[in-house]
Amino acid sequence: MKVVTINSGNHGSVGKIISGIAKIAHMRGHESFLFCPPGRMQTKSLVNNYFIGTRFERRSSDLANYLLGTQGSFNCFSTRQLIKRIDCINPDIIHLHNLHSNYVNLQILFDYLKDYKGRVVWTFHDCWPFTGHCPHFEVEGCYKWLNECEKCPLYKEYPQNLIDRSNYLFNKKKDLFTKLKCLDIVTPSMWLKNYVDQSFLSQYNIHCIANGIDLNLFSPTESQFREKYSIGNKFIILSVAFSWGYKKGLDRLEKLANRLEDKFQIVIVGIDPSLVKNKKIICIPRTANQKELAEIYTTSDVFLNPTREDTFPTVNLESLACGTPVLTYGAGGSAEAINDTCGTVINDDNVIATIHKLYNHNYNSFDCINRAKCYSDMAKFSEYVDLYEKLI
């Protein structure tokens, strides 16, 4: 079996998923090919990596789409070159991931996929495929996509446009994406699956395969973290993200720090200290590696995810794998990783009471670790290859 994957990059969390799926596929005797625009590289591993277009072409496309309020409307030559290469490979499966970022011409690509004789799998990492513009909409509370997008309140946010053409883009996506004869959609959370079920893509088979983590990297790991930051025996409340702001709930952590007694210590990883006004909070801009991050997870007493918008955050899984329970707001699919043995869904009204309750009687770390075992990355990658084999 030959699998061609198309994504906006070969790095980051999606890049790891692609590489992991390729590893399992290779072990089962299959071949994998990845097409993405040029940019940051990660180890090619077992994926045959090909670039789509050039950096100059992509920058030009970004500018043109921004000025005209469109998405994926240029890159004609590079998309046709992509299709020629796919034809030469003659794959059994074409696996799509993130198609925003203006690196392919959507019209040309989906016209090709409409007549493609193999099977198409598309993993949604956000809501972009069924909205007129945005990858997420819950913070804004905009559900126009249920009928037809127009007058978008988010058109100036990623993928940023100078003018609002959400109505045009919604109908263009609907027309292009619903013409495929053999499409299987995968979502990493039931939360996103439920939204796809309500969208114009509900006619297709929709599978849920959660994101996984490397349980060899994330496991209980001893450290001198408390001594390094002079925390002593304080109850550590940890939060981790790679891009902090209102949507990630940074303001919630700052307010929480003002309400908690001195026996509690909030630690934020992945943030510039200059962005945090509250001096009670320990800010760590970045960790040296994932081992150091595992050390911080292990040392902490509870992991708090204050997010307002997320598809299925793996930071919750990483914490559980290190034996640390999770408190999370109910946004997106964030609560799906926990159950009664390892965490609690909170809100602004009960967060203080819940933390005090855990201070006196915390969860058992073994229950947290056992829960994390349900999300082994290799097991999740295998589910994708199982799907491939079932489809062909």
Protein backbone atom coordinates (compact mmCIF):
# COMPACT_ATOMS: atom_id res chain seq x y z
CA MET A 1 0.00 0.00 0.00
CA LYS A 2 1.20 3.52 -0.84
CA VAL A 3 0.06 6.52 1.22
CA VAL A 4 0.51 10.15 0.16
CA THR A 5 0.12 12.74 2.91
CA ILE A 6 -0.40 16.47 2.33
CA ASN A 7 0.12 18.96 5.16
CA SER A 8 1.20 22.54 5.80
CA GLY A 9 4.52 21.34 7.26
CA ASN A 10 6.57 18.40 8.49
CA HIS A 11 7.31 19.82 11.94
CA GLY A 12 5.39 20.36 15.18
CA SER A 13 2.63 18.18 16.59
CA VAL A 14 1.08 17.29 13.21
CA GLY A 15 4.52 16.50 11.81
CA LYS A 16 5.07 14.03 14.64
CA ILE A 17 1.71 12.39 13.89
CA ILE A 18 2.61 12.04 10.22
CA SER A 19 6.04 10.59 11.04
CA GLY A 20 4.55 8.20 13.59
CA ILE A 21 1.91 6.91 11.20
CA ALA A 22 4.63 6.38 8.58
CA LYS A 23 6.68 4.36 11.06
CA ILE A 24 3.79 1.99 11.78
CA ALA A 25 2.92 1.79 8.08
CA HIS A 26 6.54 0.92 7.25
CA MET A 27 6.55 -1.83 9.88
CA ARG A 28 3.52 -3.33 8.11
CA GLY A 29 5.18 -3.17 4.70
CA HIS A 30 3.61 0.03 3.37
CA GLU A 31 5.20 3.14 1.80
CA SER A 32 4.62 6.75 2.87
CA PHE A 33 5.17 10.02 0.99
CA LEU A 34 4.76 13.52 2.46
CA PHE A 35 4.12 16.70 0.44
CA CYS A 36 4.38 20.04 2.24
CA PRO A 37 5.59 23.60 1.54
CA PRO A 38 9.27 24.37 2.26
CA GLY A 39 9.98 25.51 5.80
CA ARG A 40 11.28 24.13 9.05
CA MET A 41 12.43 20.55 8.75
CA GLN A 42 12.23 17.66 11.18
CA THR A 43 13.88 14.28 10.72
CA LYS A 44 12.54 12.69 7.56
CA SER A 45 12.32 9.34 9.32
CA LEU A 46 10.52 6.84 7.11
CA VAL A 47 8.61 9.47 5.14
CA ASN A 48 9.69 10.36 1.59
CA ASN A 49 9.46 14.16 1.79
CA TYR A 50 8.72 16.42 -1.21
CA PHE A 51 8.17 20.17 -1.26
CA ILE A 52 5.20 21.99 -2.76
CA GLY A 53 6.36 25.17 -4.51
CA THR A 54 8.92 27.62 -3.14
CA ARG A 55 9.06 29.98 -0.20
CA PHE A 56 8.77 32.97 -2.54
CA GLU A 57 5.68 31.50 -4.17
CA ARG A 58 4.10 30.90 -0.78
CA ARG A 59 4.84 34.43 0.46
CA SER A 60 3.38 35.86 -2.74
CA SER A 61 0.31 33.67 -2.33
CA ASP A 62 -0.10 34.76 1.30
CA LEU A 63 -0.06 38.42 0.25
CA ALA A 64 -2.48 37.93 -2.65
CA ASN A 65 -4.94 35.93 -0.56
CA TYR A 66 -4.72 38.53 2.22
CA LEU A 67 -5.46 41.44 -0.09
CA LEU A 68 -8.31 39.70 -1.92
CA GLY A 69 -9.86 38.05 1.14
CA THR A 70 -9.43 34.56 -0.31
CA GLN A 71 -7.80 31.33 0.86
CA GLY A 72 -6.02 28.74 -1.28
CA SER A 73 -6.79 30.55 -4.54
CA PHE A 74 -3.30 30.76 -6.06
CA ASN A 75 -0.29 28.35 -6.28
CA CYS A 76 -1.66 26.98 -9.57
CA PHE A 77 1.65 25.80 -11.02
CA SER A 78 2.93 24.14 -7.81
CA THR A 79 -0.42 22.41 -7.23
CA ARG A 80 -0.37 20.96 -10.75
CA GLN A 81 3.21 19.80 -10.14
CA LEU A 82 2.01 18.18 -6.91
CA ILE A 83 -0.71 16.30 -8.81
CA LYS A 84 1.81 15.07 -11.41
CA ARG A 85 4.00 13.64 -8.65
CA ILE A 86 1.02 12.00 -6.99
CA ASP A 87 0.08 10.37 -10.29
CA CYS A 88 3.62 9.01 -10.62
CA ILE A 89 3.37 7.46 -7.14
CA ASN A 90 -0.14 6.09 -7.81
CA PRO A 91 -1.12 5.91 -4.12
CA ASP A 92 -3.89 3.83 -2.60
CA ILE A 93 -4.59 6.48 0.06
CA ILE A 94 -4.28 10.27 -0.01
CA HIS A 95 -4.25 11.61 3.56
CA LEU A 96 -4.97 15.33 3.99
CA HIS A 97 -4.17 17.27 7.14
CA ASN A 98 -4.02 21.09 7.42
CA LEU A 99 -4.88 22.74 4.10
CA HIS A 100 -4.92 26.35 5.27
CA SER A 101 -1.74 28.50 5.02
CA ASN A 102 -2.20 29.14 1.28
CA TYR A 103 0.26 26.56 -0.07
CA VAL A 104 -2.10 24.70 -2.44
CA ASN A 105 -4.80 25.76 -4.87
CA LEU A 106 -7.93 24.25 -3.36
CA GLN A 107 -9.91 24.31 -6.61
CA ILE A 108 -7.26 22.39 -8.55
CA LEU A 109 -6.56 19.93 -5.73
CA PHE A 110 -10.19 19.02 -5.08
CA ASP A 111 -11.07 18.83 -8.75
CA TYR A 112 -8.35 16.17 -8.91
CA LEU A 113 -9.52 14.39 -5.76
CA LYS A 114 -13.09 14.30 -7.09
CA ASP A 115 -12.00 11.85 -9.82
CA TYR A 116 -9.26 10.10 -7.83
CA LYS A 117 -9.81 6.33 -7.81
CA GLY A 118 -8.29 5.65 -4.39
CA ARG A 119 -9.51 6.65 -0.94
CA VAL A 120 -9.14 10.06 0.68
CA VAL A 121 -8.66 10.46 4.44
CA TRP A 122 -8.75 13.94 5.94
CA THR A 123 -7.74 14.63 9.55
CA PHE A 124 -9.30 17.81 10.93
CA HIS A 125 -7.06 19.47 13.52
CA ASP A 126 -9.47 22.39 13.86
CA CYS A 127 -12.78 23.68 12.44
CA TRP A 128 -11.43 25.43 9.33
CA PRO A 129 -12.72 22.85 6.77
CA PHE A 130 -16.38 23.65 7.51
CA THR A 131 -16.33 27.37 8.32
CA GLY A 132 -16.10 30.35 6.02
CA HIS A 133 -12.88 31.52 7.61
CA CYS A 134 -11.87 30.57 11.14
CA PRO A 135 -10.14 27.52 12.66
CA HIS A 136 -12.01 28.12 15.96
CA PHE A 137 -15.16 30.03 16.85
CA GLU A 138 -16.18 29.16 20.43
CA VAL A 139 -14.59 32.18 22.13
CA GLU A 140 -16.42 34.44 19.70
CA GLY A 141 -19.59 32.34 20.07
CA CYS A 142 -20.22 32.45 16.31
CA TYR A 143 -22.17 29.52 14.85
CA LYS A 144 -23.16 30.95 11.49
CA TRP A 145 -21.42 27.99 9.81
CA LEU A 146 -24.39 25.83 10.82
CA ASN A 147 -26.28 27.55 8.01
CA GLU A 148 -24.04 29.89 6.02
CA CYS A 149 -21.16 32.10 7.08
CA GLU A 150 -21.33 35.85 6.48
CA LYS A 151 -20.16 39.06 8.17
CA CYS A 152 -17.35 37.16 9.89
CA PRO A 153 -16.22 38.71 13.20
CA LEU A 154 -12.87 36.91 12.90
CA TYR A 155 -11.75 37.63 9.32
CA LYS A 156 -8.81 39.76 10.57
CA GLU A 157 -7.50 36.80 12.59
CA TYR A 158 -5.64 33.77 11.24
CA PRO A 159 -5.76 33.10 8.35
CA GLN A 160 -5.84 36.90 8.20
CA ASN A 161 -7.70 38.72 5.43
CA LEU A 162 -7.92 42.39 4.61
CA ILE A 163 -11.61 42.13 3.69
CA ASP A 164 -14.41 39.82 4.77
CA ARG A 165 -15.25 37.22 2.15
CA SER A 166 -16.44 34.54 4.55
CA ASN A 167 -19.68 33.98 2.63
CA TYR A 168 -17.81 33.35 -0.62
CA LEU A 169 -15.29 31.06 1.11
CA PHE A 170 -17.98 29.11 2.93
CA ASN A 171 -19.83 28.33 -0.27
CA LYS A 172 -16.61 27.60 -2.14
CA LYS A 173 -15.54 25.07 0.51
CA LYS A 174 -18.98 23.53 0.57
CA ASP A 175 -18.98 23.14 -3.20
CA LEU A 176 -15.44 21.71 -3.41
CA PHE A 177 -15.35 19.48 -0.35
CA THR A 178 -18.74 17.80 -0.82
CA LYS A 179 -17.97 16.59 -4.35
CA LEU A 180 -15.61 13.85 -3.17
CA LYS A 181 -16.99 10.36 -3.62
CA CYS A 182 -14.75 8.50 -1.16
CA LEU A 183 -13.83 10.66 1.83
CA ASP A 184 -13.28 9.52 5.42
CA ILE A 185 -12.87 12.27 7.99
CA VAL A 186 -10.88 11.81 11.21
CA THR A 187 -11.13 14.08 14.24
CA PRO A 188 -8.95 13.92 17.38
CA SER A 189 -11.87 14.55 19.72
CA MET A 190 -15.57 13.77 20.03
CA TRP A 191 -16.14 17.49 20.50
CA LEU A 192 -14.93 18.19 16.96
CA LYS A 193 -16.67 15.09 15.57
CA ASN A 194 -19.99 16.38 16.90
CA TYR A 195 -19.49 19.69 15.09
CA VAL A 196 -18.55 17.97 11.81
CA ASP A 197 -21.74 15.92 12.17
CA GLN A 198 -23.68 19.22 12.13
CA SER A 199 -21.79 20.71 9.18
CA PHE A 200 -22.14 20.39 5.40
CA LEU A 201 -19.66 17.48 5.64
CA SER A 202 -21.99 15.27 7.68
CA GLN A 203 -22.61 13.00 4.67
CA TYR A 204 -19.16 11.40 5.07
CA ASN A 205 -17.89 8.73 7.47
CA ILE A 206 -16.41 10.46 10.51
CA HIS A 207 -13.94 8.62 12.76
CA CYS A 208 -12.45 9.75 16.06
CA ILE A 209 -8.77 8.95 16.65
CA ALA A 210 -7.38 10.89 19.60
CA ASN A 211 -3.91 12.38 19.64
CA GLY A 212 -1.35 10.35 21.58
CA ILE A 213 1.92 10.97 23.42
CA ASP A 214 5.25 9.18 23.77
CA LEU A 215 4.96 7.33 27.09
CA ASN A 216 8.71 6.69 27.06
CA LEU A 217 9.35 10.44 27.20
CA PHE A 218 6.50 11.35 29.52
CA SER A 219 6.64 9.29 32.71
CA PRO A 220 7.40 10.06 36.39
CA THR A 221 10.80 11.75 36.42
CA GLU A 222 12.64 12.96 39.53
CA SER A 223 14.26 16.41 39.60
CA GLN A 224 15.45 19.31 41.76
CA PHE A 225 12.80 21.63 40.41
CA ARG A 226 11.48 22.74 43.83
CA GLU A 227 14.98 23.54 45.05
CA LYS A 228 15.93 25.37 41.84
CA TYR A 229 13.00 27.78 42.18
CA SER A 230 12.89 27.86 46.02
CA ILE A 231 9.31 26.57 46.09
CA GLY A 232 9.74 24.41 49.18
CA ASN A 233 6.64 22.43 50.12
CA LYS A 234 4.14 24.71 48.40
CA PHE A 235 1.32 23.09 46.40
CA ILE A 236 2.37 23.55 42.76
CA ILE A 237 -0.29 24.39 40.18
CA LEU A 238 1.23 23.98 36.72
CA SER A 239 0.06 25.26 33.33
CA VAL A 240 1.80 24.59 30.01
CA ALA A 241 1.15 25.97 26.52
CA PHE A 242 3.16 27.03 23.50
CA SER A 243 1.30 30.27 22.81
CA TRP A 244 -0.29 32.12 25.71
CA GLY A 245 -3.04 34.72 25.58
CA TYR A 246 -6.72 35.24 26.29
CA LYS A 247 -7.81 32.15 24.35
CA LYS A 248 -5.42 30.00 26.37
CA GLY A 249 -6.75 31.52 29.60
CA LEU A 250 -3.72 33.49 30.81
CA ASP A 251 -5.96 36.03 32.52
CA ARG A 252 -7.57 33.22 34.53
CA LEU A 253 -4.19 32.22 35.96
CA GLU A 254 -3.33 35.80 36.93
CA LYS A 255 -6.65 36.24 38.72
CA LEU A 256 -6.24 32.87 40.41
CA ALA A 257 -2.82 33.82 41.76
CA ASN A 258 -4.34 36.84 43.50
CA ARG A 259 -6.99 34.69 45.21
CA LEU A 260 -4.81 31.83 46.45
CA GLU A 261 -2.93 31.72 49.75
CA ASP A 262 0.88 31.60 49.96
CA LYS A 263 0.84 27.81 50.37
CA PHE A 264 0.04 27.58 46.63
CA GLN A 265 2.45 28.30 43.78
CA ILE A 266 1.41 28.77 40.15
CA VAL A 267 4.01 27.86 37.52
CA ILE A 268 3.54 28.70 33.82
CA VAL A 269 5.69 27.08 31.15
CA GLY A 270 6.02 28.46 27.62
CA ILE A 271 5.60 32.17 28.32
CA ASP A 272 7.68 35.33 28.21
CA PRO A 273 7.84 36.60 31.84
CA SER A 274 7.22 40.15 30.59
CA LEU A 275 3.67 39.12 29.60
CA VAL A 276 2.75 38.25 33.20
CA LYS A 277 2.06 41.15 35.54
CA ASN A 278 1.51 39.03 38.66
CA LYS A 279 4.87 38.54 40.41
CA LYS A 280 3.50 35.60 42.42
CA ILE A 281 3.67 33.42 39.31
CA ILE A 282 6.84 31.60 38.29
CA CYS A 283 7.30 31.91 34.51
CA ILE A 284 9.48 29.54 32.49
CA PRO A 285 9.87 30.72 28.86
CA ARG A 286 10.82 27.28 27.56
CA THR A 287 12.27 23.97 28.66
CA ALA A 288 15.57 22.59 27.37
CA ASN A 289 13.91 19.36 26.24
CA GLN A 290 10.94 17.11 26.89
CA LYS A 291 12.74 15.37 29.76
CA GLU A 292 12.87 18.66 31.65
CA LEU A 293 9.19 19.20 30.91
CA ALA A 294 8.44 15.72 32.29
CA GLU A 295 10.36 16.67 35.44
CA ILE A 296 8.18 19.74 35.94
CA TYR A 297 4.97 17.76 35.33
CA THR A 298 6.10 15.13 37.88
CA THR A 299 7.03 17.67 40.56
CA SER A 300 3.74 19.55 40.28
CA ASP A 301 0.75 18.65 42.44
CA VAL A 302 -1.89 19.44 39.83
CA PHE A 303 -1.99 20.52 36.20
CA LEU A 304 -4.46 23.31 35.41
CA ASN A 305 -5.55 23.90 31.81
CA PRO A 306 -7.41 27.26 31.69
CA THR A 307 -8.02 27.14 27.92
CA ARG A 308 -11.04 28.72 26.29
CA GLU A 309 -10.38 27.10 22.92
CA ASP A 310 -8.77 23.75 22.09
CA THR A 311 -9.37 20.70 19.94
CA PHE A 312 -7.66 18.02 22.05
CA PRO A 313 -4.68 19.34 24.07
CA THR A 314 -1.88 16.79 24.54
CA VAL A 315 -0.52 18.73 27.54
CA ASN A 316 -3.30 17.11 29.59
CA LEU A 317 -2.06 13.67 28.52
CA GLU A 318 1.57 14.55 29.25
CA SER A 319 0.66 15.57 32.79
CA LEU A 320 -1.32 12.39 33.43
CA ALA A 321 1.54 10.25 32.10
CA CYS A 322 3.82 11.84 34.70
CA GLY A 323 1.34 10.99 37.47
CA THR A 324 -0.12 14.48 37.91
CA PRO A 325 -3.92 14.97 37.88
CA VAL A 326 -5.61 17.48 35.59
CA LEU A 327 -8.05 20.30 36.22
CA THR A 328 -9.43 21.70 32.99
CA TYR A 329 -12.09 24.05 31.79
CA GLY A 330 -14.61 22.36 29.53
CA ALA A 331 -13.59 24.13 26.31
CA GLY A 332 -13.36 22.04 23.16
CA GLY A 333 -12.14 18.50 23.66
CA SER A 334 -9.96 19.34 26.66
CA ALA A 335 -12.07 17.36 29.14
CA GLU A 336 -12.11 14.16 27.06
CA ALA A 337 -8.74 12.94 28.32
CA ILE A 338 -9.79 12.74 31.98
CA ASN A 339 -12.25 10.74 34.05
CA ASP A 340 -13.23 10.68 37.71
CA THR A 341 -10.03 8.88 38.73
CA CYS A 342 -7.59 11.47 37.44
CA GLY A 343 -9.13 14.91 37.07
CA THR A 344 -11.99 17.37 37.28
CA VAL A 345 -13.75 19.72 34.89
CA ILE A 346 -13.87 23.16 36.47
CA ASN A 347 -15.24 26.64 35.86
CA ASP A 348 -14.55 30.12 37.22
CA ASP A 349 -16.98 29.59 40.10
CA ASN A 350 -15.53 26.36 41.54
CA VAL A 351 -11.83 26.50 40.67
CA ILE A 352 -10.75 27.76 44.11
CA ALA A 353 -12.85 25.22 46.01
CA THR A 354 -11.58 22.39 43.78
CA ILE A 355 -7.93 23.33 44.34
CA HIS A 356 -8.47 23.47 48.12
CA LYS A 357 -10.12 20.05 47.96
CA LEU A 358 -7.12 18.60 46.13
CA TYR A 359 -4.75 20.23 48.60
CA ASN A 360 -6.29 18.07 51.33
CA HIS A 361 -6.94 14.93 49.27
CA ASN A 362 -5.32 14.62 45.87
CA TYR A 363 -5.77 11.97 43.19
CA ASN A 364 -3.67 8.81 43.10
CA SER A 365 -0.76 9.17 40.68
CA PHE A 366 -1.10 5.53 39.56
CA ASP A 367 -4.65 6.22 38.37
CA CYS A 368 -3.36 9.17 36.35
CA ILE A 369 -0.64 7.05 34.74
CA ASN A 370 -3.09 4.27 33.92
CA ARG A 371 -5.40 6.76 32.24
CA ALA A 372 -2.53 8.07 30.11
CA LYS A 373 -1.80 4.55 28.87
CA CYS A 374 -5.02 4.79 26.85
CA TYR A 375 -3.29 7.45 24.74
CA SER A 376 -0.02 5.83 23.70
CA ASP A 377 1.09 7.51 20.49
CA MET A 378 2.06 4.22 18.86
CA ALA A 379 -1.39 2.81 19.56
CA LYS A 380 -3.03 5.88 18.02
CA PHE A 381 -0.77 5.77 14.97
CA SER A 382 -1.73 2.12 14.56
CA GLU A 383 -5.41 3.10 14.50
CA TYR A 384 -4.69 5.24 11.44
CA VAL A 385 -2.95 2.38 9.63
CA ASP A 386 -5.83 0.10 10.64
CA LEU A 387 -8.16 2.59 8.97
CA TYR A 388 -6.03 2.67 5.82
CA GLU A 389 -6.06 -1.12 5.55
CA LYS A 390 -9.77 -1.28 6.17
CA LEU A 391 -10.51 1.28 3.46
CA ILE A 392 -8.57 -0.52 0.71
